Amino acid sequence: MITNGSQFKNIDEYINQFPGEIQVLLQSMRQTIKKAAPKAEEAIKYQMPTFTLNGNLVHFAAYKNHIGFYPTPSGIEAFKNEFSTYKFSKGAVQFPIDEKLPLSLVSRIVKYRVEESTEKAKLKNVKVCPNGHRFIKTSDCPTCPICEKERKPTYGFKSLLAAPAIRALESKKISTLKQLSKYSESEILKLHGMGKNAITTLKKAMKTEGLAFKKR
């Protein structure tokens, strides 16, 4: 890899060290990758221009006679049949600088890596609850939705609520409308998982019992 020995802070600094014709090639790689992976972020890793998305996505770099492209071993393996005219190894492919860059191929490889990276990130969040149910844990769904559905009340005011609102009330140990009436509307609305629709439902349920939220 050709460099001037500097430690680069960003991709612009890396590209600007090269002659104009090489800068054009590097910018073409950069823009192609950005278009194929709009959510990826730019970085410098191993002193090479890098795009990250749930970890390293791809790298590229300029050498004396070629542009090196590093889409990880999985990216190379998936497209190796299209590298017949290029030198390539387990994790890299070389595009000669005196030939037109195969930007369409680069784009397809990057899109493949985006799908692969996104899927791996999802799998990291796949959890198995004590009852053996598999689910994807997120901030909006921190507990098993199957178990939540199975244990949702079938009668009473809680049966009218969604699981997040039920969990919100349980966090305050509220199990009856009378207990609920000891709180103000704003206090309940601040609970994680409680929304305006749930508040409307609770108001109607309390009204049928002659109750209401505490006035502040």
C-alpha atoms as a PDB file:
ATOM      1  CA  MET A   1       0.000   0.000   0.000  1.00  0.00           C
ATOM      2  CA  ILE A   2       1.361   3.389  -0.982  1.00  0.00           C
ATOM      3  CA  THR A   3       1.273   6.017   1.773  1.00  0.00           C
ATOM      4  CA  ASN A   4       3.359   8.997   2.767  1.00  0.00           C
ATOM      5  CA  GLY A   5       3.936   7.524   6.211  1.00  0.00           C
ATOM      6  CA  SER A   6       1.235   9.636   7.857  1.00  0.00           C
ATOM      7  CA  GLN A   7      -1.437   8.438  10.228  1.00  0.00           C
ATOM      8  CA  PHE A   8      -4.652   9.353   8.445  1.00  0.00           C
ATOM      9  CA  LYS A   9      -7.603  10.772  10.360  1.00  0.00           C
ATOM     10  CA  ASN A  10     -10.167  10.273   7.602  1.00  0.00           C
ATOM     11  CA  ILE A  11     -10.631   9.057   4.040  1.00  0.00           C
ATOM     12  CA  ASP A  12     -10.127  12.527   2.565  1.00  0.00           C
ATOM     13  CA  GLU A  13      -6.648  12.722   4.067  1.00  0.00           C
ATOM     14  CA  TYR A  14      -5.835   9.287   2.680  1.00  0.00           C
ATOM     15  CA  ILE A  15      -7.012  10.090  -0.852  1.00  0.00           C
ATOM     16  CA  ASN A  16      -5.402  13.537  -0.997  1.00  0.00           C
ATOM     17  CA  GLN A  17      -1.882  12.088  -0.727  1.00  0.00           C
ATOM     18  CA  PHE A  18      -2.141  10.544  -4.212  1.00  0.00           C
ATOM     19  CA  PRO A  19      -1.730  12.001  -7.722  1.00  0.00           C
ATOM     20  CA  GLY A  20      -4.906  13.255  -9.366  1.00  0.00           C
ATOM     21  CA  GLU A  21      -5.544  10.201 -11.529  1.00  0.00           C
ATOM     22  CA  ILE A  22      -5.350   7.869  -8.512  1.00  0.00           C
ATOM     23  CA  GLN A  23      -7.590  10.179  -6.495  1.00  0.00           C
ATOM     24  CA  VAL A  24     -10.234   9.809  -9.210  1.00  0.00           C
ATOM     25  CA  LEU A  25     -10.113   6.010  -8.901  1.00  0.00           C
ATOM     26  CA  LEU A  26     -10.290   6.107  -5.113  1.00  0.00           C
ATOM     27  CA  GLN A  27     -13.176   8.572  -5.119  1.00  0.00           C
ATOM     28  CA  SER A  28     -15.015   6.322  -7.584  1.00  0.00           C
ATOM     29  CA  MET A  29     -14.614   3.399  -5.178  1.00  0.00           C
ATOM     30  CA  ARG A  30     -15.693   5.569  -2.270  1.00  0.00           C
ATOM     31  CA  GLN A  31     -18.839   6.888  -3.946  1.00  0.00           C
ATOM     32  CA  THR A  32     -19.812   3.452  -5.253  1.00  0.00           C
ATOM     33  CA  ILE A  33     -19.544   1.973  -1.768  1.00  0.00           C
ATOM     34  CA  LYS A  34     -21.477   4.865  -0.197  1.00  0.00           C
ATOM     35  CA  LYS A  35     -24.302   4.430  -2.701  1.00  0.00           C
ATOM     36  CA  ALA A  36     -24.472   0.669  -2.139  1.00  0.00           C
ATOM     37  CA  ALA A  37     -24.273   1.012   1.650  1.00  0.00           C
ATOM     38  CA  PRO A  38     -25.893   4.359   2.556  1.00  0.00           C
ATOM     39  CA  LYS A  39     -26.089   3.504   6.264  1.00  0.00           C
ATOM     40  CA  ALA A  40     -22.426   2.545   6.533  1.00  0.00           C
ATOM     41  CA  GLU A  41     -19.973   4.923   8.187  1.00  0.00           C
ATOM     42  CA  GLU A  42     -16.555   5.962   6.931  1.00  0.00           C
ATOM     43  CA  ALA A  43     -13.438   5.244   8.949  1.00  0.00           C
ATOM     44  CA  ILE A  44      -9.733   4.552   8.679  1.00  0.00           C
ATOM     45  CA  LYS A  45      -8.791   1.023   9.762  1.00  0.00           C
ATOM     46  CA  TYR A  46      -5.366  -0.539   9.242  1.00  0.00           C
ATOM     47  CA  GLN A  47      -4.487   2.812   7.605  1.00  0.00           C
ATOM     48  CA  MET A  48      -6.975   2.053   4.814  1.00  0.00           C
ATOM     49  CA  PRO A  49     -10.287   3.672   3.852  1.00  0.00           C
ATOM     50  CA  THR A  50     -12.965   1.586   5.528  1.00  0.00           C
ATOM     51  CA  PHE A  51     -16.731   1.438   5.679  1.00  0.00           C
ATOM     52  CA  THR A  52     -18.322   0.032   8.821  1.00  0.00           C
ATOM     53  CA  LEU A  53     -21.783  -1.383   9.457  1.00  0.00           C
ATOM     54  CA  ASN A  54     -22.122  -3.581  12.532  1.00  0.00           C
ATOM     55  CA  GLY A  55     -18.353  -3.964  12.279  1.00  0.00           C
ATOM     56  CA  ASN A  56     -15.987  -3.670   9.327  1.00  0.00           C
ATOM     57  CA  LEU A  57     -17.877  -3.887   6.031  1.00  0.00           C
ATOM     58  CA  VAL A  58     -15.214  -3.352   3.332  1.00  0.00           C
ATOM     59  CA  HIS A  59     -11.805  -1.701   2.910  1.00  0.00           C
ATOM     60  CA  PHE A  60     -10.010  -0.354  -0.145  1.00  0.00           C
ATOM     61  CA  ALA A  61      -6.553   1.054  -0.804  1.00  0.00           C
ATOM     62  CA  ALA A  62      -4.208   2.235  -3.554  1.00  0.00           C
ATOM     63  CA  TYR A  63      -1.022   0.404  -4.508  1.00  0.00           C
ATOM     64  CA  LYS A  64       1.617   0.990  -7.173  1.00  0.00           C
ATOM     65  CA  ASN A  65      -0.178  -0.973  -9.881  1.00  0.00           C
ATOM     66  CA  HIS A  66      -3.656  -1.662  -8.546  1.00  0.00           C
ATOM     67  CA  ILE A  67      -6.542  -0.690  -6.284  1.00  0.00           C
ATOM     68  CA  GLY A  68      -7.006  -3.264  -3.553  1.00  0.00           C
ATOM     69  CA  PHE A  69     -10.559  -4.095  -2.473  1.00  0.00           C
ATOM     70  CA  TYR A  70     -11.167  -6.019   0.757  1.00  0.00           C
ATOM     71  CA  PRO A  71     -14.777  -7.239   1.175  1.00  0.00           C
ATOM     72  CA  THR A  72     -13.762  -9.896   3.763  1.00  0.00           C
ATOM     73  CA  PRO A  73     -13.335 -13.598   2.890  1.00  0.00           C
ATOM     74  CA  SER A  74     -17.088 -14.128   2.630  1.00  0.00           C
ATOM     75  CA  GLY A  75     -17.417 -11.391   0.016  1.00  0.00           C
ATOM     76  CA  ILE A  76     -14.567 -12.877  -2.017  1.00  0.00           C
ATOM     77  CA  GLU A  77     -15.994 -16.384  -1.780  1.00  0.00           C
ATOM     78  CA  ALA A  78     -19.446 -15.275  -2.934  1.00  0.00           C
ATOM     79  CA  PHE A  79     -18.117 -13.567  -6.083  1.00  0.00           C
ATOM     80  CA  LYS A  80     -14.926 -15.494  -6.864  1.00  0.00           C
ATOM     81  CA  ASN A  81     -16.333 -16.738 -10.175  1.00  0.00           C
ATOM     82  CA  GLU A  82     -16.407 -13.126 -11.376  1.00  0.00           C
ATOM     83  CA  PHE A  83     -12.740 -12.523 -10.559  1.00  0.00           C
ATOM     84  CA  SER A  84     -11.323 -14.589 -13.436  1.00  0.00           C
ATOM     85  CA  THR A  85      -9.466 -11.600 -14.912  1.00  0.00           C
ATOM     86  CA  TYR A  86      -8.190 -10.300 -11.567  1.00  0.00           C
ATOM     87  CA  LYS A  87      -5.675 -11.439  -8.986  1.00  0.00           C
ATOM     88  CA  PHE A  88      -7.439 -12.297  -5.754  1.00  0.00           C
ATOM     89  CA  SER A  89      -6.799 -14.020  -2.452  1.00  0.00           C
ATOM     90  CA  LYS A  90      -8.890 -15.172   0.488  1.00  0.00           C
ATOM     91  CA  GLY A  91      -9.897 -11.655   1.507  1.00  0.00           C
ATOM     92  CA  ALA A  92      -8.880  -9.281  -1.281  1.00  0.00           C
ATOM     93  CA  VAL A  93      -9.076  -8.628  -5.012  1.00  0.00           C
ATOM     94  CA  GLN A  94      -6.793  -6.413  -7.114  1.00  0.00           C
ATOM     95  CA  PHE A  95      -8.128  -4.037  -9.778  1.00  0.00           C
ATOM     96  CA  PRO A  96      -5.301  -2.815 -12.101  1.00  0.00           C
ATOM     97  CA  ILE A  97      -5.051   0.971 -12.168  1.00  0.00           C
ATOM     98  CA  ASP A  98      -4.646   0.993 -15.955  1.00  0.00           C
ATOM     99  CA  GLU A  99      -8.026  -0.691 -16.448  1.00  0.00           C
ATOM    100  CA  LYS A 100     -11.558   0.555 -15.898  1.00  0.00           C
ATOM    101  CA  LEU A 101     -12.746  -0.169 -12.374  1.00  0.00           C
ATOM    102  CA  PRO A 102     -15.571  -2.763 -12.248  1.00  0.00           C
ATOM    103  CA  LEU A 103     -17.797  -0.478 -10.183  1.00  0.00           C
ATOM    104  CA  SER A 104     -20.956  -2.466 -10.900  1.00  0.00           C
ATOM    105  CA  LEU A 105     -19.281  -5.548  -9.450  1.00  0.00           C
ATOM    106  CA  VAL A 106     -18.037  -3.554  -6.455  1.00  0.00           C
ATOM    107  CA  SER A 107     -21.577  -2.323  -5.839  1.00  0.00           C
ATOM    108  CA  ARG A 108     -23.019  -5.835  -5.889  1.00  0.00           C
ATOM    109  CA  ILE A 109     -20.348  -7.104  -3.520  1.00  0.00           C
ATOM    110  CA  VAL A 110     -20.982  -4.257  -1.082  1.00  0.00           C
ATOM    111  CA  LYS A 111     -24.742  -4.878  -1.147  1.00  0.00           C
ATOM    112  CA  TYR A 112     -24.060  -8.538  -0.427  1.00  0.00           C
ATOM    113  CA  ARG A 113     -21.903  -7.550   2.533  1.00  0.00           C
ATOM    114  CA  VAL A 114     -24.618  -5.200   3.812  1.00  0.00           C
ATOM    115  CA  GLU A 115     -27.160  -8.039   3.792  1.00  0.00           C
ATOM    116  CA  GLU A 116     -24.680 -10.378   5.439  1.00  0.00           C
ATOM    117  CA  SER A 117     -23.709  -7.867   8.114  1.00  0.00           C
ATOM    118  CA  THR A 118     -27.326  -6.950   8.857  1.00  0.00           C
ATOM    119  CA  GLU A 119     -28.329 -10.593   9.199  1.00  0.00           C
ATOM    120  CA  LYS A 120     -25.416 -11.326  11.531  1.00  0.00           C
ATOM    121  CA  ALA A 121     -26.396  -8.357  13.700  1.00  0.00           C
ATOM    122  CA  LYS A 122     -29.949  -9.698  13.959  1.00  0.00           C
ATOM    123  CA  LEU A 123     -28.707 -13.154  14.916  1.00  0.00           C
ATOM    124  CA  LYS A 124     -26.667 -11.639  17.739  1.00  0.00           C
ATOM    125  CA  ASN A 125     -29.935 -10.395  19.220  1.00  0.00           C
ATOM    126  CA  VAL A 126     -31.777 -13.701  18.848  1.00  0.00           C
ATOM    127  CA  LYS A 127     -32.563 -14.940  22.338  1.00  0.00           C
ATOM    128  CA  VAL A 128     -34.185 -18.077  23.700  1.00  0.00           C
ATOM    129  CA  CYS A 129     -36.543 -17.566  26.636  1.00  0.00           C
ATOM    130  CA  PRO A 130     -36.800 -20.088  29.515  1.00  0.00           C
ATOM    131  CA  ASN A 131     -39.768 -21.649  27.719  1.00  0.00           C
ATOM    132  CA  GLY A 132     -37.724 -22.295  24.586  1.00  0.00           C
ATOM    133  CA  HIS A 133     -39.185 -19.558  22.387  1.00  0.00           C
ATOM    134  CA  ARG A 134     -36.755 -17.830  20.004  1.00  0.00           C
ATOM    135  CA  PHE A 135     -37.201 -14.077  19.573  1.00  0.00           C
ATOM    136  CA  ILE A 136     -35.209 -11.017  18.533  1.00  0.00           C
ATOM    137  CA  LYS A 137     -34.480  -8.868  21.564  1.00  0.00           C
ATOM    138  CA  THR A 138     -34.676  -5.111  20.964  1.00  0.00           C
ATOM    139  CA  SER A 139     -35.280  -2.046  23.111  1.00  0.00           C
ATOM    140  CA  ASP A 140     -38.931  -2.189  22.017  1.00  0.00           C
ATOM    141  CA  CYS A 141     -39.185  -5.920  22.635  1.00  0.00           C
ATOM    142  CA  PRO A 142     -36.954  -6.806  25.616  1.00  0.00           C
ATOM    143  CA  THR A 143     -38.939  -9.891  26.608  1.00  0.00           C
ATOM    144  CA  CYS A 144     -40.301 -12.905  24.760  1.00  0.00           C
ATOM    145  CA  PRO A 145     -43.421 -11.767  22.831  1.00  0.00           C
ATOM    146  CA  ILE A 146     -44.808 -15.313  22.755  1.00  0.00           C
ATOM    147  CA  CYS A 147     -44.678 -15.604  26.541  1.00  0.00           C
ATOM    148  CA  GLU A 148     -46.111 -12.101  26.865  1.00  0.00           C
ATOM    149  CA  LYS A 149     -49.047 -13.094  24.680  1.00  0.00           C
ATOM    150  CA  GLU A 150     -49.600 -16.340  26.582  1.00  0.00           C
ATOM    151  CA  ARG A 151     -49.642 -14.635  29.966  1.00  0.00           C
ATOM    152  CA  LYS A 152     -51.695 -11.626  28.894  1.00  0.00           C
ATOM    153  CA  PRO A 153     -54.887 -11.375  31.005  1.00  0.00           C
ATOM    154  CA  THR A 154     -58.057 -12.520  29.251  1.00  0.00           C
ATOM    155  CA  TYR A 155     -60.352 -10.405  31.418  1.00  0.00           C
ATOM    156  CA  GLY A 156     -60.215  -7.189  33.427  1.00  0.00           C
ATOM    157  CA  PHE A 157     -58.762  -3.847  32.394  1.00  0.00           C
ATOM    158  CA  LYS A 158     -55.296  -5.263  31.643  1.00  0.00           C
ATOM    159  CA  SER A 159     -56.772  -7.453  28.919  1.00  0.00           C
ATOM    160  CA  LEU A 160     -57.423  -4.229  26.992  1.00  0.00           C
ATOM    161  CA  LEU A 161     -53.751  -3.209  27.040  1.00  0.00           C
ATOM    162  CA  ALA A 162     -50.738  -4.150  24.938  1.00  0.00           C
ATOM    163  CA  ALA A 163     -47.831  -5.977  26.576  1.00  0.00           C
ATOM    164  CA  PRO A 164     -45.569  -2.886  27.007  1.00  0.00           C
ATOM    165  CA  ALA A 165     -48.321  -1.030  28.892  1.00  0.00           C
ATOM    166  CA  ILE A 166     -48.986  -4.067  31.085  1.00  0.00           C
ATOM    167  CA  ARG A 167     -45.277  -4.280  31.931  1.00  0.00           C
ATOM    168  CA  ALA A 168     -45.288  -0.569  32.730  1.00  0.00           C
ATOM    169  CA  LEU A 169     -48.056  -1.032  35.309  1.00  0.00           C
ATOM    170  CA  GLU A 170     -46.403  -4.132  36.745  1.00  0.00           C
ATOM    171  CA  SER A 171     -43.200  -2.141  37.251  1.00  0.00           C
ATOM    172  CA  LYS A 172     -45.173   0.016  39.726  1.00  0.00           C
ATOM    173  CA  LYS A 173     -46.985  -3.034  41.161  1.00  0.00           C
ATOM    174  CA  ILE A 174     -50.341  -1.711  39.918  1.00  0.00           C
ATOM    175  CA  SER A 175     -52.814  -4.566  39.602  1.00  0.00           C
ATOM    176  CA  THR A 176     -56.171  -2.836  40.189  1.00  0.00           C
ATOM    177  CA  LEU A 177     -57.899   0.305  38.953  1.00  0.00           C
ATOM    178  CA  LYS A 178     -58.123   1.542  42.539  1.00  0.00           C
ATOM    179  CA  GLN A 179     -54.340   1.357  42.835  1.00  0.00           C
ATOM    180  CA  LEU A 180     -54.047   3.117  39.476  1.00  0.00           C
ATOM    181  CA  SER A 181     -56.255   5.990  40.680  1.00  0.00           C
ATOM    182  CA  LYS A 182     -53.603   6.892  43.260  1.00  0.00           C
ATOM    183  CA  TYR A 183     -51.364   8.128  40.442  1.00  0.00           C
ATOM    184  CA  SER A 184     -51.690  11.152  38.201  1.00  0.00           C
ATOM    185  CA  GLU A 185     -52.019  10.757  34.447  1.00  0.00           C
ATOM    186  CA  SER A 186     -48.603  12.344  33.884  1.00  0.00           C
ATOM    187  CA  GLU A 187     -46.951   9.929  36.323  1.00  0.00           C
ATOM    188  CA  ILE A 188     -48.337   6.909  34.485  1.00  0.00           C
ATOM    189  CA  LEU A 189     -47.572   8.343  31.054  1.00  0.00           C
ATOM    190  CA  LYS A 190     -43.907   8.654  32.027  1.00  0.00           C
ATOM    191  CA  LEU A 191     -43.619   4.898  32.545  1.00  0.00           C
ATOM    192  CA  HIS A 192     -41.599   3.082  29.890  1.00  0.00           C
ATOM    193  CA  GLY A 193     -43.986   1.298  27.536  1.00  0.00           C
ATOM    194  CA  MET A 194     -46.990   3.451  28.350  1.00  0.00           C
ATOM    195  CA  GLY A 195     -48.469   5.442  25.469  1.00  0.00           C
ATOM    196  CA  LYS A 196     -51.353   7.839  24.929  1.00  0.00           C
ATOM    197  CA  ASN A 197     -53.619   5.119  23.534  1.00  0.00           C
ATOM    198  CA  ALA A 198     -53.112   3.077  26.697  1.00  0.00           C
ATOM    199  CA  ILE A 199     -53.882   6.139  28.827  1.00  0.00           C
ATOM    200  CA  THR A 200     -57.166   6.619  26.944  1.00  0.00           C
ATOM    201  CA  THR A 201     -58.053   2.967  27.553  1.00  0.00           C
ATOM    202  CA  LEU A 202     -57.244   3.275  31.254  1.00  0.00           C
ATOM    203  CA  LYS A 203     -59.353   6.422  31.603  1.00  0.00           C
ATOM    204  CA  LYS A 204     -62.372   4.643  30.136  1.00  0.00           C
ATOM    205  CA  ALA A 205     -61.849   1.631  32.389  1.00  0.00           C
ATOM    206  CA  MET A 206     -61.577   3.815  35.503  1.00  0.00           C
ATOM    207  CA  LYS A 207     -64.630   5.843  34.521  1.00  0.00           C
ATOM    208  CA  THR A 208     -66.791   2.700  34.481  1.00  0.00           C
ATOM    209  CA  GLU A 209     -65.724   2.134  38.111  1.00  0.00           C
ATOM    210  CA  GLY A 210     -66.293   5.747  39.137  1.00  0.00           C
ATOM    211  CA  LEU A 211     -62.568   6.362  39.361  1.00  0.00           C
ATOM    212  CA  ALA A 212     -60.099   8.752  37.737  1.00  0.00           C
ATOM    213  CA  PHE A 213     -56.441   9.653  37.771  1.00  0.00           C
ATOM    214  CA  LYS A 214     -55.312  11.659  40.787  1.00  0.00           C
ATOM    215  CA  LYS A 215     -55.380  15.401  40.238  1.00  0.00           C
ATOM    216  CA  ARG A 216     -52.015  17.026  40.706  1.00  0.00           C
END
